[in-house]
Amino acid sequence: MNQEKITVQIMVNANNQKVWNYYTKPEHVTRWNFASNDWHCPSAFNDLRVGGRYLARMETKDGSFGFDFDAIYTEVHYGEFFTYEFGGRYATVEFKDVNGQTEVTITFDPENEYPMETQKQGWQAILDNFKKYVETT
C-alpha cells in the first residue's frame, strides 16, 4: 500500500453547520455524491459516531456499473472533522470556518489500482459537485 496520502480541498460559500449537515445527512448525500452526471448515488446511510457505519451506493445511471462505498467511523468531532476506515484505507474530512465560508479538506489513503492523479481528480470532482449542491440549495 502507498504511504503517500492524497488531499483534495474546496471552499464552500456557506456556514460550517450547513456544510457539515449537507455532507453528513443521507438525504443530502444522495444529491451530490458522484463525480459526473452519468453517475448517481441512489441510497446512503450514515450512523455518524465512532464505530458507526457510512454506506453510499454509487452507480452509473444506466446500471452498467456500481459499487458500495462502505466505511466505519474511527473518530468523530462534530462540526470539525471525522475519520473513517474503508477497505483497510483511511480518510479524514475536515471542516474549517473561514470568515463565514467553510473550507472542506479530505485527506485519504490511495488504492493501488488507479494512478494517484486519477484518484485525486475523482475525489475532487465529487467535492466540486458537493460545493455546487450546497451553494444552490
C-alpha atoms as a PDB file:
ATOM      1  CA  MET A   1       0.000   0.000   0.000  1.00  0.00           C
ATOM      2  CA  ASN A   2       1.227   3.505  -0.799  1.00  0.00           C
ATOM      3  CA  GLN A   3       2.409   5.514   2.190  1.00  0.00           C
ATOM      4  CA  GLU A   4       1.673   8.833   0.470  1.00  0.00           C
ATOM      5  CA  LYS A   5      -1.763  10.367   1.052  1.00  0.00           C
ATOM      6  CA  ILE A   6      -3.909  12.362  -1.358  1.00  0.00           C
ATOM      7  CA  THR A   7      -5.558  15.648  -0.368  1.00  0.00           C
ATOM      8  CA  VAL A   8      -8.424  17.458  -2.066  1.00  0.00           C
ATOM      9  CA  GLN A   9      -9.902  20.719  -0.862  1.00  0.00           C
ATOM     10  CA  ILE A  10     -12.614  23.250  -1.630  1.00  0.00           C
ATOM     11  CA  MET A  11     -14.023  26.471  -0.203  1.00  0.00           C
ATOM     12  CA  VAL A  12     -17.814  26.392   0.125  1.00  0.00           C
ATOM     13  CA  ASN A  13     -19.769  29.630   0.355  1.00  0.00           C
ATOM     14  CA  ALA A  14     -21.903  28.526   3.314  1.00  0.00           C
ATOM     15  CA  ASN A  15     -21.545  28.376   7.072  1.00  0.00           C
ATOM     16  CA  ASN A  16     -19.972  25.416   8.816  1.00  0.00           C
ATOM     17  CA  GLN A  17     -23.235  23.988  10.182  1.00  0.00           C
ATOM     18  CA  LYS A  18     -24.914  23.863   6.768  1.00  0.00           C
ATOM     19  CA  VAL A  19     -21.825  22.345   5.146  1.00  0.00           C
ATOM     20  CA  TRP A  20     -21.488  19.707   7.898  1.00  0.00           C
ATOM     21  CA  ASN A  21     -25.184  18.785   7.622  1.00  0.00           C
ATOM     22  CA  TYR A  22     -25.174  18.594   3.829  1.00  0.00           C
ATOM     23  CA  TYR A  23     -22.040  16.452   3.891  1.00  0.00           C
ATOM     24  CA  THR A  24     -23.282  14.002   6.518  1.00  0.00           C
ATOM     25  CA  LYS A  25     -27.081  13.676   6.191  1.00  0.00           C
ATOM     26  CA  PRO A  26     -28.129  10.851   3.820  1.00  0.00           C
ATOM     27  CA  GLU A  27     -30.933  12.885   2.221  1.00  0.00           C
ATOM     28  CA  HIS A  28     -28.268  15.324   1.010  1.00  0.00           C
ATOM     29  CA  VAL A  29     -25.510  12.774   0.265  1.00  0.00           C
ATOM     30  CA  THR A  30     -27.685  11.181  -2.416  1.00  0.00           C
ATOM     31  CA  ARG A  31     -27.953  14.544  -4.183  1.00  0.00           C
ATOM     32  CA  TRP A  32     -24.211  15.276  -4.598  1.00  0.00           C
ATOM     33  CA  ASN A  33     -22.132  12.100  -4.073  1.00  0.00           C
ATOM     34  CA  PHE A  34     -20.999  11.387  -7.644  1.00  0.00           C
ATOM     35  CA  ALA A  35     -18.213  12.671  -9.872  1.00  0.00           C
ATOM     36  CA  SER A  36     -20.108  13.142 -13.145  1.00  0.00           C
ATOM     37  CA  ASN A  37     -23.657  13.473 -14.438  1.00  0.00           C
ATOM     38  CA  ASP A  38     -23.750   9.901 -15.779  1.00  0.00           C
ATOM     39  CA  TRP A  39     -23.428   8.591 -12.186  1.00  0.00           C
ATOM     40  CA  HIS A  40     -25.722   8.900  -9.197  1.00  0.00           C
ATOM     41  CA  CYS A  41     -25.971   7.899  -5.529  1.00  0.00           C
ATOM     42  CA  PRO A  42     -29.371   6.201  -5.203  1.00  0.00           C
ATOM     43  CA  SER A  43     -29.026   5.454  -1.488  1.00  0.00           C
ATOM     44  CA  ALA A  44     -26.999   6.436   1.554  1.00  0.00           C
ATOM     45  CA  PHE A  45     -26.908   5.509   5.240  1.00  0.00           C
ATOM     46  CA  ASN A  46     -24.938   7.297   7.930  1.00  0.00           C
ATOM     47  CA  ASP A  47     -24.525   6.380  11.605  1.00  0.00           C
ATOM     48  CA  LEU A  48     -22.176   9.246  12.473  1.00  0.00           C
ATOM     49  CA  ARG A  49     -20.423   8.027  15.630  1.00  0.00           C
ATOM     50  CA  VAL A  50     -17.225   6.149  16.434  1.00  0.00           C
ATOM     51  CA  GLY A  51     -17.886   2.575  15.335  1.00  0.00           C
ATOM     52  CA  GLY A  52     -20.846   3.715  13.220  1.00  0.00           C
ATOM     53  CA  ARG A  53     -21.225   2.846   9.555  1.00  0.00           C
ATOM     54  CA  TYR A  54     -21.346   5.041   6.466  1.00  0.00           C
ATOM     55  CA  LEU A  55     -22.715   3.382   3.330  1.00  0.00           C
ATOM     56  CA  ALA A  56     -23.331   5.037  -0.022  1.00  0.00           C
ATOM     57  CA  ARG A  57     -24.373   3.216  -3.191  1.00  0.00           C
ATOM     58  CA  MET A  58     -22.681   4.733  -6.228  1.00  0.00           C
ATOM     59  CA  GLU A  59     -23.586   3.575  -9.726  1.00  0.00           C
ATOM     60  CA  THR A  60     -23.904   4.616 -13.335  1.00  0.00           C
ATOM     61  CA  LYS A  61     -27.362   5.870 -14.248  1.00  0.00           C
ATOM     62  CA  ASP A  62     -27.639   3.191 -16.939  1.00  0.00           C
ATOM     63  CA  GLY A  63     -26.952   0.485 -14.323  1.00  0.00           C
ATOM     64  CA  SER A  64     -23.887  -0.908 -16.109  1.00  0.00           C
ATOM     65  CA  PHE A  65     -21.561  -0.470 -13.116  1.00  0.00           C
ATOM     66  CA  GLY A  66     -21.831   0.318  -9.431  1.00  0.00           C
ATOM     67  CA  PHE A  67     -20.300  -0.212  -6.022  1.00  0.00           C
ATOM     68  CA  ASP A  68     -20.940   0.384  -2.340  1.00  0.00           C
ATOM     69  CA  PHE A  69     -18.691   2.826  -0.528  1.00  0.00           C
ATOM     70  CA  ASP A  70     -18.736   1.231   2.916  1.00  0.00           C
ATOM     71  CA  ALA A  71     -16.832   2.716   5.857  1.00  0.00           C
ATOM     72  CA  ILE A  72     -16.636   2.635   9.657  1.00  0.00           C
ATOM     73  CA  TYR A  73     -16.002   5.819  11.653  1.00  0.00           C
ATOM     74  CA  THR A  74     -12.877   5.768  13.806  1.00  0.00           C
ATOM     75  CA  GLU A  75     -13.023   9.374  15.070  1.00  0.00           C
ATOM     76  CA  VAL A  76     -15.808  11.974  15.064  1.00  0.00           C
ATOM     77  CA  HIS A  77     -15.657  15.596  16.252  1.00  0.00           C
ATOM     78  CA  TYR A  78     -18.997  17.169  15.318  1.00  0.00           C
ATOM     79  CA  GLY A  79     -18.690  20.209  13.105  1.00  0.00           C
ATOM     80  CA  GLU A  80     -14.904  19.860  12.877  1.00  0.00           C
ATOM     81  CA  PHE A  81     -13.764  16.558  11.345  1.00  0.00           C
ATOM     82  CA  PHE A  82     -14.221  12.820  11.130  1.00  0.00           C
ATOM     83  CA  THR A  83     -12.080   9.871  10.091  1.00  0.00           C
ATOM     84  CA  TYR A  84     -13.317   6.596   8.673  1.00  0.00           C
ATOM     85  CA  GLU A  85     -11.787   3.305   7.551  1.00  0.00           C
ATOM     86  CA  PHE A  86     -12.810   1.694   4.284  1.00  0.00           C
ATOM     87  CA  GLY A  87     -11.190  -1.476   2.995  1.00  0.00           C
ATOM     88  CA  GLY A  88      -8.014  -1.027   5.041  1.00  0.00           C
ATOM     89  CA  ARG A  89      -7.642   2.601   3.951  1.00  0.00           C
ATOM     90  CA  TYR A  90      -8.434   5.752   5.901  1.00  0.00           C
ATOM     91  CA  ALA A  91      -9.869   9.171   5.061  1.00  0.00           C
ATOM     92  CA  THR A  92     -10.233  12.305   7.164  1.00  0.00           C
ATOM     93  CA  VAL A  93     -12.729  15.029   6.262  1.00  0.00           C
ATOM     94  CA  GLU A  94     -12.158  18.412   7.915  1.00  0.00           C
ATOM     95  CA  PHE A  95     -14.498  21.423   8.076  1.00  0.00           C
ATOM     96  CA  LYS A  96     -12.891  24.778   8.871  1.00  0.00           C
ATOM     97  CA  ASP A  97     -14.746  28.076   9.228  1.00  0.00           C
ATOM     98  CA  VAL A  98     -13.034  30.821   7.210  1.00  0.00           C
ATOM     99  CA  ASN A  99     -14.842  34.157   7.528  1.00  0.00           C
ATOM    100  CA  GLY A 100     -18.327  32.678   7.190  1.00  0.00           C
ATOM    101  CA  GLN A 101     -17.343  30.219   4.488  1.00  0.00           C
ATOM    102  CA  THR A 102     -16.279  26.623   5.068  1.00  0.00           C
ATOM    103  CA  GLU A 103     -13.088  25.030   3.839  1.00  0.00           C
ATOM    104  CA  VAL A 104     -13.550  21.290   3.324  1.00  0.00           C
ATOM    105  CA  THR A 105     -10.377  19.199   3.169  1.00  0.00           C
ATOM    106  CA  ILE A 106     -10.300  15.462   2.518  1.00  0.00           C
ATOM    107  CA  THR A 107      -7.094  13.505   3.023  1.00  0.00           C
ATOM    108  CA  PHE A 108      -7.181   9.841   2.091  1.00  0.00           C
ATOM    109  CA  ASP A 109      -5.050   6.761   1.521  1.00  0.00           C
ATOM    110  CA  PRO A 110      -4.880   5.920  -2.183  1.00  0.00           C
ATOM    111  CA  GLU A 111      -5.569   2.470  -3.523  1.00  0.00           C
ATOM    112  CA  ASN A 112      -3.163   0.656  -5.831  1.00  0.00           C
ATOM    113  CA  GLU A 113      -5.348   0.006  -8.886  1.00  0.00           C
ATOM    114  CA  TYR A 114      -5.602   3.512 -10.363  1.00  0.00           C
ATOM    115  CA  PRO A 115      -2.950   6.246 -10.693  1.00  0.00           C
ATOM    116  CA  MET A 116      -2.868   8.710  -7.809  1.00  0.00           C
ATOM    117  CA  GLU A 117      -3.735  11.636 -10.092  1.00  0.00           C
ATOM    118  CA  THR A 118      -6.840   9.811 -11.357  1.00  0.00           C
ATOM    119  CA  GLN A 119      -7.956   9.168  -7.779  1.00  0.00           C
ATOM    120  CA  LYS A 120      -7.339  12.795  -6.838  1.00  0.00           C
ATOM    121  CA  GLN A 121      -9.355  14.013  -9.829  1.00  0.00           C
ATOM    122  CA  GLY A 122     -12.256  11.709  -8.962  1.00  0.00           C
ATOM    123  CA  TRP A 123     -12.462  12.744  -5.316  1.00  0.00           C
ATOM    124  CA  GLN A 124     -12.058  16.416  -6.305  1.00  0.00           C
ATOM    125  CA  ALA A 125     -14.896  16.099  -8.831  1.00  0.00           C
ATOM    126  CA  ILE A 126     -17.178  14.757  -6.086  1.00  0.00           C
ATOM    127  CA  LEU A 127     -16.127  17.617  -3.798  1.00  0.00           C
ATOM    128  CA  ASP A 128     -16.793  20.124  -6.621  1.00  0.00           C
ATOM    129  CA  ASN A 129     -20.253  18.594  -7.034  1.00  0.00           C
ATOM    130  CA  PHE A 130     -20.800  18.914  -3.273  1.00  0.00           C
ATOM    131  CA  LYS A 131     -19.919  22.641  -3.384  1.00  0.00           C
ATOM    132  CA  LYS A 132     -22.323  23.213  -6.275  1.00  0.00           C
ATOM    133  CA  TYR A 133     -25.139  21.427  -4.440  1.00  0.00           C
ATOM    134  CA  VAL A 134     -24.626  23.305  -1.164  1.00  0.00           C
ATOM    135  CA  GLU A 135     -24.384  26.702  -2.822  1.00  0.00           C
ATOM    136  CA  THR A 136     -27.516  26.229  -4.960  1.00  0.00           C
ATOM    137  CA  THR A 137     -29.891  24.849  -2.293  1.00  0.00           C
END
